[in-house]
Amino acid sequence: MEKQKLPNEKAVMILGLISYVGCCCTSGLLGVILSGIGIYLAKKDEKLLVENSDTYAIGSLNTWKIVNIVAMVLSVLTLIYAIYMKATGKDIEQQEQLMEMIKGFQK
């Protein structure tokens, strides 16, 4: 009998890839949420695999679990940096410098 794929393997893959986009585009918040869900689903599939090892094939679940963990770390670091910038007011300074650079290029 041929082994089946784990039910959440594709979801873990998609969440891992999208969490990188969430890390960069949403100051880390969306990346933390999506990679957290991906890690949860990967652990759920690992438990299912242990219980029914003769029915399911592991496939690339471990790879995508690692991708989600790396995305989680990057997202947390990005979120901490964004909170630091907001708390110290350096984000406003950075925006002012960017506006000056844009004005300089427009001349």
PDB file of N, CA and C in Angstrom:
ATOM      1  N   MET A   1       0.831  -1.180   0.000  1.00  0.00           N
ATOM      2  CA  MET A   1       0.000   0.000   0.000  1.00  0.00           C
ATOM      3  C   MET A   1       0.882   1.253   0.000  1.00  0.00           C
ATOM      4  N   GLU A   2       0.513   2.194  -0.813  1.00  0.00           N
ATOM      5  CA  GLU A   2       1.284   3.427  -0.931  1.00  0.00           C
ATOM      6  C   GLU A   2       0.976   4.356   0.241  1.00  0.00           C
ATOM      7  N   LYS A   3       2.017   4.989   0.764  1.00  0.00           N
ATOM      8  CA  LYS A   3       1.828   5.896   1.894  1.00  0.00           C
ATOM      9  C   LYS A   3       1.228   7.222   1.423  1.00  0.00           C
ATOM     10  N   GLN A   4       0.391   7.793   2.264  1.00  0.00           N
ATOM     11  CA  GLN A   4      -0.276   9.058   1.958  1.00  0.00           C
ATOM     12  C   GLN A   4       0.575  10.229   2.426  1.00  0.00           C
ATOM     13  N   LYS A   5       0.298  11.394   1.845  1.00  0.00           N
ATOM     14  CA  LYS A   5       0.954  12.618   2.318  1.00  0.00           C
ATOM     15  C   LYS A   5       0.269  13.072   3.602  1.00  0.00           C
ATOM     16  N   LEU A   6       1.020  13.763   4.416  1.00  0.00           N
ATOM     17  CA  LEU A   6       0.444  14.314   5.640  1.00  0.00           C
ATOM     18  C   LEU A   6      -0.564  15.409   5.285  1.00  0.00           C
ATOM     19  N   PRO A   7      -1.640  15.542   6.046  1.00  0.00           N
ATOM     20  CA  PRO A   7      -2.714  16.452   5.650  1.00  0.00           C
ATOM     21  C   PRO A   7      -2.343  17.938   5.646  1.00  0.00           C
ATOM     22  N   ASN A   8      -1.422  18.358   6.480  1.00  0.00           N
ATOM     23  CA  ASN A   8      -1.107  19.787   6.587  1.00  0.00           C
ATOM     24  C   ASN A   8       0.222  20.169   5.953  1.00  0.00           C
ATOM     25  N   GLU A   9       0.827  19.277   5.195  1.00  0.00           N
ATOM     26  CA  GLU A   9       2.163  19.544   4.640  1.00  0.00           C
ATOM     27  C   GLU A   9       2.168  20.755   3.699  1.00  0.00           C
ATOM     28  N   LYS A  10       1.190  20.845   2.824  1.00  0.00           N
ATOM     29  CA  LYS A  10       1.133  21.980   1.900  1.00  0.00           C
ATOM     30  C   LYS A  10       0.838  23.283   2.648  1.00  0.00           C
ATOM     31  N   ALA A  11      -0.018  23.209   3.654  1.00  0.00           N
ATOM     32  CA  ALA A  11      -0.332  24.405   4.440  1.00  0.00           C
ATOM     33  C   ALA A  11       0.908  24.917   5.170  1.00  0.00           C
ATOM     34  N   VAL A  12       1.711  24.000   5.701  1.00  0.00           N
ATOM     35  CA  VAL A  12       2.954  24.382   6.385  1.00  0.00           C
ATOM     36  C   VAL A  12       3.906  25.044   5.398  1.00  0.00           C
ATOM     37  N   MET A  13       3.965  24.516   4.179  1.00  0.00           N
ATOM     38  CA  MET A  13       4.828  25.087   3.145  1.00  0.00           C
ATOM     39  C   MET A  13       4.375  26.501   2.778  1.00  0.00           C
ATOM     40  N   ILE A  14       3.098  26.667   2.521  1.00  0.00           N
ATOM     41  CA  ILE A  14       2.567  27.975   2.124  1.00  0.00           C
ATOM     42  C   ILE A  14       2.729  28.992   3.242  1.00  0.00           C
ATOM     43  N   LEU A  15       2.436  28.597   4.468  1.00  0.00           N
ATOM     44  CA  LEU A  15       2.590  29.518   5.596  1.00  0.00           C
ATOM     45  C   LEU A  15       4.046  29.918   5.795  1.00  0.00           C
ATOM     46  N   GLY A  16       4.960  28.981   5.589  1.00  0.00           N
ATOM     47  CA  GLY A  16       6.384  29.300   5.715  1.00  0.00           C
ATOM     48  C   GLY A  16       6.838  30.314   4.694  1.00  0.00           C
ATOM     49  N   LEU A  17       6.373  30.166   3.460  1.00  0.00           N
ATOM     50  CA  LEU A  17       6.773  31.112   2.409  1.00  0.00           C
ATOM     51  C   LEU A  17       6.131  32.485   2.603  1.00  0.00           C
ATOM     52  N   ILE A  18       4.872  32.508   2.935  1.00  0.00           N
ATOM     53  CA  ILE A  18       4.181  33.794   3.116  1.00  0.00           C
ATOM     54  C   ILE A  18       4.676  34.520   4.364  1.00  0.00           C
ATOM     55  N   SER A  19       5.135  33.775   5.357  1.00  0.00           N
ATOM     56  CA  SER A  19       5.608  34.434   6.579  1.00  0.00           C
ATOM     57  C   SER A  19       6.853  35.276   6.331  1.00  0.00           C
ATOM     58  N   TYR A  20       7.655  34.923   5.306  1.00  0.00           N
ATOM     59  CA  TYR A  20       8.793  35.777   4.947  1.00  0.00           C
ATOM     60  C   TYR A  20       8.307  37.124   4.418  1.00  0.00           C
ATOM     61  N   VAL A  21       7.274  37.101   3.615  1.00  0.00           N
ATOM     62  CA  VAL A  21       6.699  38.350   3.109  1.00  0.00           C
ATOM     63  C   VAL A  21       6.128  39.146   4.272  1.00  0.00           C
ATOM     64  N   GLY A  22       5.459  38.464   5.179  1.00  0.00           N
ATOM     65  CA  GLY A  22       4.907  39.130   6.360  1.00  0.00           C
ATOM     66  C   GLY A  22       5.973  39.715   7.249  1.00  0.00           C
ATOM     67  N   CYS A  23       7.126  39.084   7.277  1.00  0.00           N
ATOM     68  CA  CYS A  23       8.240  39.594   8.080  1.00  0.00           C
ATOM     69  C   CYS A  23       8.710  40.939   7.553  1.00  0.00           C
ATOM     70  N   CYS A  24       8.819  41.048   6.259  1.00  0.00           N
ATOM     71  CA  CYS A  24       9.369  42.257   5.647  1.00  0.00           C
ATOM     72  C   CYS A  24       8.337  43.375   5.496  1.00  0.00           C
ATOM     73  N   CYS A  25       7.126  43.031   5.165  1.00  0.00           N
ATOM     74  CA  CYS A  25       6.131  44.045   4.800  1.00  0.00           C
ATOM     75  C   CYS A  25       5.286  44.540   5.955  1.00  0.00           C
ATOM     76  N   THR A  26       5.215  43.822   7.048  1.00  0.00           N
ATOM     77  CA  THR A  26       4.344  44.226   8.158  1.00  0.00           C
ATOM     78  C   THR A  26       5.098  44.401   9.465  1.00  0.00           C
ATOM     79  N   SER A  27       6.354  44.731   9.389  1.00  0.00           N
ATOM     80  CA  SER A  27       7.200  44.921  10.572  1.00  0.00           C
ATOM     81  C   SER A  27       7.258  43.680  11.455  1.00  0.00           C
ATOM     82  N   GLY A  28       7.095  42.527  10.869  1.00  0.00           N
ATOM     83  CA  GLY A  28       7.263  41.273  11.584  1.00  0.00           C
ATOM     84  C   GLY A  28       6.009  40.677  12.185  1.00  0.00           C
ATOM     85  N   LEU A  29       4.952  41.455  12.343  1.00  0.00           N
ATOM     86  CA  LEU A  29       3.763  40.964  13.035  1.00  0.00           C
ATOM     87  C   LEU A  29       3.087  39.820  12.278  1.00  0.00           C
ATOM     88  N   LEU A  30       2.838  39.997  11.001  1.00  0.00           N
ATOM     89  CA  LEU A  30       2.193  38.953  10.210  1.00  0.00           C
ATOM     90  C   LEU A  30       3.089  37.720  10.100  1.00  0.00           C
ATOM     91  N   GLY A  31       4.386  37.935  10.015  1.00  0.00           N
ATOM     92  CA  GLY A  31       5.318  36.810   9.953  1.00  0.00           C
ATOM     93  C   GLY A  31       5.284  35.963  11.215  1.00  0.00           C
ATOM     94  N   VAL A  32       5.181  36.607  12.374  1.00  0.00           N
ATOM     95  CA  VAL A  32       5.099  35.871  13.641  1.00  0.00           C
ATOM     96  C   VAL A  32       3.828  35.027  13.673  1.00  0.00           C
ATOM     97  N   ILE A  33       2.722  35.623  13.266  1.00  0.00           N
ATOM     98  CA  ILE A  33       1.441  34.911  13.294  1.00  0.00           C
ATOM     99  C   ILE A  33       1.453  33.719  12.336  1.00  0.00           C
ATOM    100  N   LEU A  34       1.849  33.960  11.085  1.00  0.00           N
ATOM    101  CA  LEU A  34       1.807  32.891  10.083  1.00  0.00           C
ATOM    102  C   LEU A  34       2.802  31.776  10.378  1.00  0.00           C
ATOM    103  N   SER A  35       4.015  32.131  10.782  1.00  0.00           N
ATOM    104  CA  SER A  35       4.988  31.079  11.078  1.00  0.00           C
ATOM    105  C   SER A  35       4.611  30.329  12.351  1.00  0.00           C
ATOM    106  N   GLY A  36       3.966  31.004  13.289  1.00  0.00           N
ATOM    107  CA  GLY A  36       3.474  30.308  14.485  1.00  0.00           C
ATOM    108  C   GLY A  36       2.429  29.264  14.138  1.00  0.00           C
ATOM    109  N   ILE A  37       1.507  29.621  13.243  1.00  0.00           N
ATOM    110  CA  ILE A  37       0.507  28.660  12.779  1.00  0.00           C
ATOM    111  C   ILE A  37       1.184  27.517  12.030  1.00  0.00           C
ATOM    112  N   GLY A  38       2.173  27.841  11.197  1.00  0.00           N
ATOM    113  CA  GLY A  38       2.892  26.807  10.455  1.00  0.00           C
ATOM    114  C   GLY A  38       3.615  25.825  11.365  1.00  0.00           C
ATOM    115  N   ILE A  39       4.249  26.332  12.407  1.00  0.00           N
ATOM    116  CA  ILE A  39       4.948  25.461  13.357  1.00  0.00           C
ATOM    117  C   ILE A  39       3.943  24.581  14.103  1.00  0.00           C
ATOM    118  N   TYR A  40       2.808  25.162  14.477  1.00  0.00           N
ATOM    119  CA  TYR A  40       1.766  24.386  15.163  1.00  0.00           C
ATOM    120  C   TYR A  40       1.266  23.239  14.278  1.00  0.00           C
ATOM    121  N   LEU A  41       0.974  23.549  13.009  1.00  0.00           N
ATOM    122  CA  LEU A  41       0.488  22.511  12.093  1.00  0.00           C
ATOM    123  C   LEU A  41       1.549  21.440  11.836  1.00  0.00           C
ATOM    124  N   ALA A  42       2.818  21.855  11.775  1.00  0.00           N
ATOM    125  CA  ALA A  42       3.901  20.888  11.569  1.00  0.00           C
ATOM    126  C   ALA A  42       4.008  19.935  12.760  1.00  0.00           C
ATOM    127  N   LYS A  43       3.887  20.471  13.961  1.00  0.00           N
ATOM    128  CA  LYS A  43       3.937  19.613  15.151  1.00  0.00           C
ATOM    129  C   LYS A  43       2.734  18.666  15.189  1.00  0.00           C
ATOM    130  N   LYS A  44       1.597  19.178  14.766  1.00  0.00           N
ATOM    131  CA  LYS A  44       0.392  18.348  14.713  1.00  0.00           C
ATOM    132  C   LYS A  44       0.588  17.184  13.739  1.00  0.00           C
ATOM    133  N   ASP A  45       1.170  17.472  12.582  1.00  0.00           N
ATOM    134  CA  ASP A  45       1.448  16.414  11.603  1.00  0.00           C
ATOM    135  C   ASP A  45       2.508  15.438  12.103  1.00  0.00           C
ATOM    136  N   GLU A  46       3.497  15.927  12.843  1.00  0.00           N
ATOM    137  CA  GLU A  46       4.512  15.030  13.394  1.00  0.00           C
ATOM    138  C   GLU A  46       3.893  14.036  14.363  1.00  0.00           C
ATOM    139  N   LYS A  47       2.958  14.509  15.187  1.00  0.00           N
ATOM    140  CA  LYS A  47       2.266  13.602  16.111  1.00  0.00           C
ATOM    141  C   LYS A  47       1.461  12.560  15.340  1.00  0.00           C
ATOM    142  N   LEU A  48       0.794  13.008  14.284  1.00  0.00           N
ATOM    143  CA  LEU A  48       0.020  12.090  13.450  1.00  0.00           C
ATOM    144  C   LEU A  48       0.932  11.052  12.802  1.00  0.00           C
ATOM    145  N   LEU A  49       2.113  11.480  12.382  1.00  0.00           N
ATOM    146  CA  LEU A  49       3.075  10.574  11.763  1.00  0.00           C
ATOM    147  C   LEU A  49       3.569   9.528  12.757  1.00  0.00           C
ATOM    148  N   VAL A  50       3.821   9.942  13.998  1.00  0.00           N
ATOM    149  CA  VAL A  50       4.289   9.005  15.017  1.00  0.00           C
ATOM    150  C   VAL A  50       3.200   7.969  15.321  1.00  0.00           C
ATOM    151  N   GLU A  51       1.952   8.425  15.372  1.00  0.00           N
ATOM    152  CA  GLU A  51       0.856   7.502  15.672  1.00  0.00           C
ATOM    153  C   GLU A  51       0.580   6.538  14.519  1.00  0.00           C
ATOM    154  N   ASN A  52       0.728   7.013  13.278  1.00  0.00           N
ATOM    155  CA  ASN A  52       0.410   6.200  12.099  1.00  0.00           C
ATOM    156  C   ASN A  52       1.578   6.199  11.118  1.00  0.00           C
ATOM    157  N   SER A  53       2.708   5.717  11.552  1.00  0.00           N
ATOM    158  CA  SER A  53       3.903   5.772  10.699  1.00  0.00           C
ATOM    159  C   SER A  53       3.799   4.869   9.474  1.00  0.00           C
ATOM    160  N   ASP A  54       2.957   3.853   9.532  1.00  0.00           N
ATOM    161  CA  ASP A  54       2.813   2.969   8.379  1.00  0.00           C
ATOM    162  C   ASP A  54       1.857   3.545   7.328  1.00  0.00           C
ATOM    163  N   THR A  55       1.057   4.546   7.694  1.00  0.00           N
ATOM    164  CA  THR A  55       0.077   5.128   6.768  1.00  0.00           C
ATOM    165  C   THR A  55       0.615   6.355   6.041  1.00  0.00           C
ATOM    166  N   TYR A  56       1.422   7.173   6.743  1.00  0.00           N
ATOM    167  CA  TYR A  56       1.855   8.460   6.189  1.00  0.00           C
ATOM    168  C   TYR A  56       3.348   8.474   5.883  1.00  0.00           C
ATOM    169  N   ALA A  57       3.704   9.235   4.855  1.00  0.00           N
ATOM    170  CA  ALA A  57       5.105   9.478   4.507  1.00  0.00           C
ATOM    171  C   ALA A  57       5.488  10.867   4.994  1.00  0.00           C
ATOM    172  N   ILE A  58       6.684  11.021   5.491  1.00  0.00           N
ATOM    173  CA  ILE A  58       7.090  12.304   6.070  1.00  0.00           C
ATOM    174  C   ILE A  58       7.270  13.379   5.008  1.00  0.00           C
ATOM    175  N   GLY A  59       7.691  13.011   3.826  1.00  0.00           N
ATOM    176  CA  GLY A  59       7.853  14.000   2.756  1.00  0.00           C
ATOM    177  C   GLY A  59       8.843  15.089   3.136  1.00  0.00           C
ATOM    178  N   SER A  60       8.464  16.327   2.919  1.00  0.00           N
ATOM    179  CA  SER A  60       9.347  17.459   3.205  1.00  0.00           C
ATOM    180  C   SER A  60       8.883  18.265   4.410  1.00  0.00           C
ATOM    181  N   LEU A  61       8.183  17.615   5.324  1.00  0.00           N
ATOM    182  CA  LEU A  61       7.650  18.316   6.490  1.00  0.00           C
ATOM    183  C   LEU A  61       8.751  18.935   7.341  1.00  0.00           C
ATOM    184  N   ASN A  62       9.845  18.201   7.557  1.00  0.00           N
ATOM    185  CA  ASN A  62      10.935  18.729   8.388  1.00  0.00           C
ATOM    186  C   ASN A  62      11.554  19.980   7.773  1.00  0.00           C
ATOM    187  N   THR A  63      11.693  19.983   6.466  1.00  0.00           N
ATOM    188  CA  THR A  63      12.263  21.149   5.782  1.00  0.00           C
ATOM    189  C   THR A  63      11.385  22.371   5.996  1.00  0.00           C
ATOM    190  N   TRP A  64      10.090  22.212   5.800  1.00  0.00           N
ATOM    191  CA  TRP A  64       9.185  23.353   5.938  1.00  0.00           C
ATOM    192  C   TRP A  64       9.008  23.772   7.390  1.00  0.00           C
ATOM    193  N   LYS A  65       9.181  22.845   8.309  1.00  0.00           N
ATOM    194  CA  LYS A  65       9.155  23.216   9.725  1.00  0.00           C
ATOM    195  C   LYS A  65      10.349  24.122  10.042  1.00  0.00           C
ATOM    196  N   ILE A  66      11.515  23.772   9.506  1.00  0.00           N
ATOM    197  CA  ILE A  66      12.710  24.599   9.706  1.00  0.00           C
ATOM    198  C   ILE A  66      12.529  25.966   9.052  1.00  0.00           C
ATOM    199  N   VAL A  67      11.931  26.001   7.866  1.00  0.00           N
ATOM    200  CA  VAL A  67      11.657  27.278   7.197  1.00  0.00           C
ATOM    201  C   VAL A  67      10.758  28.144   8.077  1.00  0.00           C
ATOM    202  N   ASN A  68       9.741  27.555   8.682  1.00  0.00           N
ATOM    203  CA  ASN A  68       8.855  28.309   9.567  1.00  0.00           C
ATOM    204  C   ASN A  68       9.578  28.798  10.818  1.00  0.00           C
ATOM    205  N   ILE A  69      10.479  27.997  11.349  1.00  0.00           N
ATOM    206  CA  ILE A  69      11.233  28.418  12.535  1.00  0.00           C
ATOM    207  C   ILE A  69      12.147  29.595  12.194  1.00  0.00           C
ATOM    208  N   VAL A  70      12.827  29.521  11.054  1.00  0.00           N
ATOM    209  CA  VAL A  70      13.696  30.631  10.633  1.00  0.00           C
ATOM    210  C   VAL A  70      12.855  31.891  10.386  1.00  0.00           C
ATOM    211  N   ALA A  71      11.705  31.728   9.752  1.00  0.00           N
ATOM    212  CA  ALA A  71      10.826  32.874   9.516  1.00  0.00           C
ATOM    213  C   ALA A  71      10.343  33.466  10.835  1.00  0.00           C
ATOM    214  N   MET A  72      10.082  32.624  11.816  1.00  0.00           N
ATOM    215  CA  MET A  72       9.652  33.098  13.136  1.00  0.00           C
ATOM    216  C   MET A  72      10.756  33.926  13.784  1.00  0.00           C
ATOM    217  N   VAL A  73      11.995  33.439  13.727  1.00  0.00           N
ATOM    218  CA  VAL A  73      13.119  34.168  14.334  1.00  0.00           C
ATOM    219  C   VAL A  73      13.306  35.522  13.647  1.00  0.00           C
ATOM    220  N   LEU A  74      13.294  35.530  12.319  1.00  0.00           N
ATOM    221  CA  LEU A  74      13.444  36.791  11.588  1.00  0.00           C
ATOM    222  C   LEU A  74      12.298  37.754  11.886  1.00  0.00           C
ATOM    223  N   SER A  75      11.102  37.236  11.978  1.00  0.00           N
ATOM    224  CA  SER A  75       9.940  38.074  12.250  1.00  0.00           C
ATOM    225  C   SER A  75       9.999  38.670  13.653  1.00  0.00           C
ATOM    226  N   VAL A  76      10.418  37.871  14.617  1.00  0.00           N
ATOM    227  CA  VAL A  76      10.530  38.370  15.991  1.00  0.00           C
ATOM    228  C   VAL A  76      11.600  39.458  16.065  1.00  0.00           C
ATOM    229  N   LEU A  77      12.737  39.233  15.410  1.00  0.00           N
ATOM    230  CA  LEU A  77      13.793  40.252  15.409  1.00  0.00           C
ATOM    231  C   LEU A  77      13.319  41.547  14.732  1.00  0.00           C
ATOM    232  N   THR A  78      12.602  41.412  13.626  1.00  0.00           N
ATOM    233  CA  THR A  78      12.070  42.579  12.930  1.00  0.00           C
ATOM    234  C   THR A  78      11.046  43.299  13.790  1.00  0.00           C
ATOM    235  N   LEU A  79      10.219  42.558  14.484  1.00  0.00           N
ATOM    236  CA  LEU A  79       9.209  43.161  15.359  1.00  0.00           C
ATOM    237  C   LEU A  79       9.859  43.896  16.526  1.00  0.00           C
ATOM    238  N   ILE A  80      10.877  43.296  17.105  1.00  0.00           N
ATOM    239  CA  ILE A  80      11.599  43.960  18.209  1.00  0.00           C
ATOM    240  C   ILE A  80      12.246  45.249  17.712  1.00  0.00           C
ATOM    241  N   TYR A  81      12.842  45.205  16.529  1.00  0.00           N
ATOM    242  CA  TYR A  81      13.461  46.401  15.958  1.00  0.00           C
ATOM    243  C   TYR A  81      12.418  47.488  15.697  1.00  0.00           C
ATOM    244  N   ALA A  82      11.265  47.111  15.181  1.00  0.00           N
ATOM    245  CA  ALA A  82      10.203  48.090  14.902  1.00  0.00           C
ATOM    246  C   ALA A  82       9.692  48.720  16.188  1.00  0.00           C
ATOM    247  N   ILE A  83       9.546  47.919  17.234  1.00  0.00           N
ATOM    248  CA  ILE A  83       9.103  48.456  18.528  1.00  0.00           C
ATOM    249  C   ILE A  83      10.153  49.403  19.093  1.00  0.00           C
ATOM    250  N   TYR A  84      11.425  49.027  18.977  1.00  0.00           N
ATOM    251  CA  TYR A  84      12.507  49.887  19.443  1.00  0.00           C
ATOM    252  C   TYR A  84      12.505  51.227  18.712  1.00  0.00           C
ATOM    253  N   MET A  85      12.370  51.186  17.386  1.00  0.00           N
ATOM    254  CA  MET A  85      12.367  52.416  16.594  1.00  0.00           C
ATOM    255  C   MET A  85      11.187  53.311  16.973  1.00  0.00           C
ATOM    256  N   LYS A  86      10.030  52.707  17.189  1.00  0.00           N
ATOM    257  CA  LYS A  86       8.836  53.475  17.546  1.00  0.00           C
ATOM    258  C   LYS A  86       8.972  54.058  18.952  1.00  0.00           C
ATOM    259  N   ALA A  87       9.499  53.280  19.882  1.00  0.00           N
ATOM    260  CA  ALA A  87       9.611  53.717  21.272  1.00  0.00           C
ATOM    261  C   ALA A  87      10.621  54.850  21.438  1.00  0.00           C
ATOM    262  N   THR A  88      11.685  54.834  20.666  1.00  0.00           N
ATOM    263  CA  THR A  88      12.710  55.864  20.800  1.00  0.00           C
ATOM    264  C   THR A  88      12.454  57.070  19.901  1.00  0.00           C
ATOM    265  N   GLY A  89      11.504  56.969  18.994  1.00  0.00           N
ATOM    266  CA  GLY A  89      11.205  58.077  18.092  1.00  0.00           C
ATOM    267  C   GLY A  89      12.138  58.171  16.907  1.00  0.00           C
ATOM    268  N   LYS A  90      12.970  57.171  16.727  1.00  0.00           N
ATOM    269  CA  LYS A  90      13.918  57.200  15.613  1.00  0.00           C
ATOM    270  C   LYS A  90      13.243  56.955  14.272  1.00  0.00           C
ATOM    271  N   ASP A  91      12.042  56.418  14.299  1.00  0.00           N
ATOM    272  CA  ASP A  91      11.338  56.197  13.038  1.00  0.00           C
ATOM    273  C   ASP A  91      10.952  57.517  12.385  1.00  0.00           C
ATOM    274  N   ILE A  92      10.633  58.508  13.182  1.00  0.00           N
ATOM    275  CA  ILE A  92      10.292  59.829  12.640  1.00  0.00           C
ATOM    276  C   ILE A  92      11.528  60.482  12.034  1.00  0.00           C
ATOM    277  N   GLU A  93      12.677  60.348  12.718  1.00  0.00           N
ATOM    278  CA  GLU A  93      13.930  60.878  12.183  1.00  0.00           C
ATOM    279  C   GLU A  93      14.265  60.228  10.845  1.00  0.00           C
ATOM    280  N   GLN A  94      14.053  58.923  10.784  1.00  0.00           N
ATOM    281  CA  GLN A  94      14.344  58.190   9.565  1.00  0.00           C
ATOM    282  C   GLN A  94      13.434  58.642   8.413  1.00  0.00           C
ATOM    283  N   GLN A  95      12.164  58.899   8.713  1.00  0.00           N
ATOM    284  CA  GLN A  95      11.240  59.382   7.688  1.00  0.00           C
ATOM    285  C   GLN A  95      11.633  60.768   7.195  1.00  0.00           C
ATOM    286  N   GLU A  96      12.076  61.633   8.100  1.00  0.00           N
ATOM    287  CA  GLU A  96      12.516  62.973   7.704  1.00  0.00           C
ATOM    288  C   GLU A  96      13.744  62.902   6.801  1.00  0.00           C
ATOM    289  N   GLN A  97      14.699  62.048   7.139  1.00  0.00           N
ATOM    290  CA  GLN A  97      15.886  61.878   6.304  1.00  0.00           C
ATOM    291  C   GLN A  97      15.517  61.347   4.928  1.00  0.00           C
ATOM    292  N   LEU A  98      14.574  60.437   4.871  1.00  0.00           N
ATOM    293  CA  LEU A  98      14.126  59.891   3.596  1.00  0.00           C
ATOM    294  C   LEU A  98      13.462  60.970   2.742  1.00  0.00           C
ATOM    295  N   MET A  99      12.650  61.814   3.354  1.00  0.00           N
ATOM    296  CA  MET A  99      11.991  62.897   2.614  1.00  0.00           C
ATOM    297  C   MET A  99      13.018  63.893   2.071  1.00  0.00           C
ATOM    298  N   GLU A 100      14.071  64.191   2.847  1.00  0.00           N
ATOM    299  CA  GLU A 100      15.137  65.075   2.370  1.00  0.00           C
ATOM    300  C   GLU A 100      15.870  64.464   1.180  1.00  0.00           C
ATOM    301  N   MET A 101      16.108  63.147   1.233  1.00  0.00           N
ATOM    302  CA  MET A 101      16.768  62.478   0.114  1.00  0.00           C
ATOM    303  C   MET A 101      15.899  62.517  -1.133  1.00  0.00           C
ATOM    304  N   ILE A 102      14.605  62.316  -0.949  1.00  0.00           N
ATOM    305  CA  ILE A 102      13.690  62.356  -2.103  1.00  0.00           C
ATOM    306  C   ILE A 102      13.652  63.751  -2.723  1.00  0.00           C
ATOM    307  N   LYS A 103      13.622  64.775  -1.881  1.00  0.00           N
ATOM    308  CA  LYS A 103      13.631  66.148  -2.386  1.00  0.00           C
ATOM    309  C   LYS A 103      14.924  66.441  -3.129  1.00  0.00           C
ATOM    310  N   GLY A 104      16.040  65.891  -2.640  1.00  0.00           N
ATOM    311  CA  GLY A 104      17.323  66.084  -3.295  1.00  0.00           C
ATOM    312  C   GLY A 104      17.376  65.433  -4.664  1.00  0.00           C
ATOM    313  N   PHE A 105      16.739  64.297  -4.825  1.00  0.00           N
ATOM    314  CA  PHE A 105      16.708  63.613  -6.101  1.00  0.00           C
ATOM    315  C   PHE A 105      15.766  64.302  -7.099  1.00  0.00           C
ATOM    316  N   GLN A 106      14.764  64.981  -6.607  1.00  0.00           N
ATOM    317  CA  GLN A 106      13.793  65.632  -7.480  1.00  0.00           C
ATOM    318  C   GLN A 106      14.346  66.909  -8.115  1.00  0.00           C
ATOM    319  N   LYS A 107      15.381  67.474  -7.546  1.00  0.00           N
ATOM    320  CA  LYS A 107      15.940  68.716  -8.079  1.00  0.00           C
ATOM    321  C   LYS A 107      16.694  68.508  -9.355  1.00  0.00           C
TER     322      LYS A 107
END
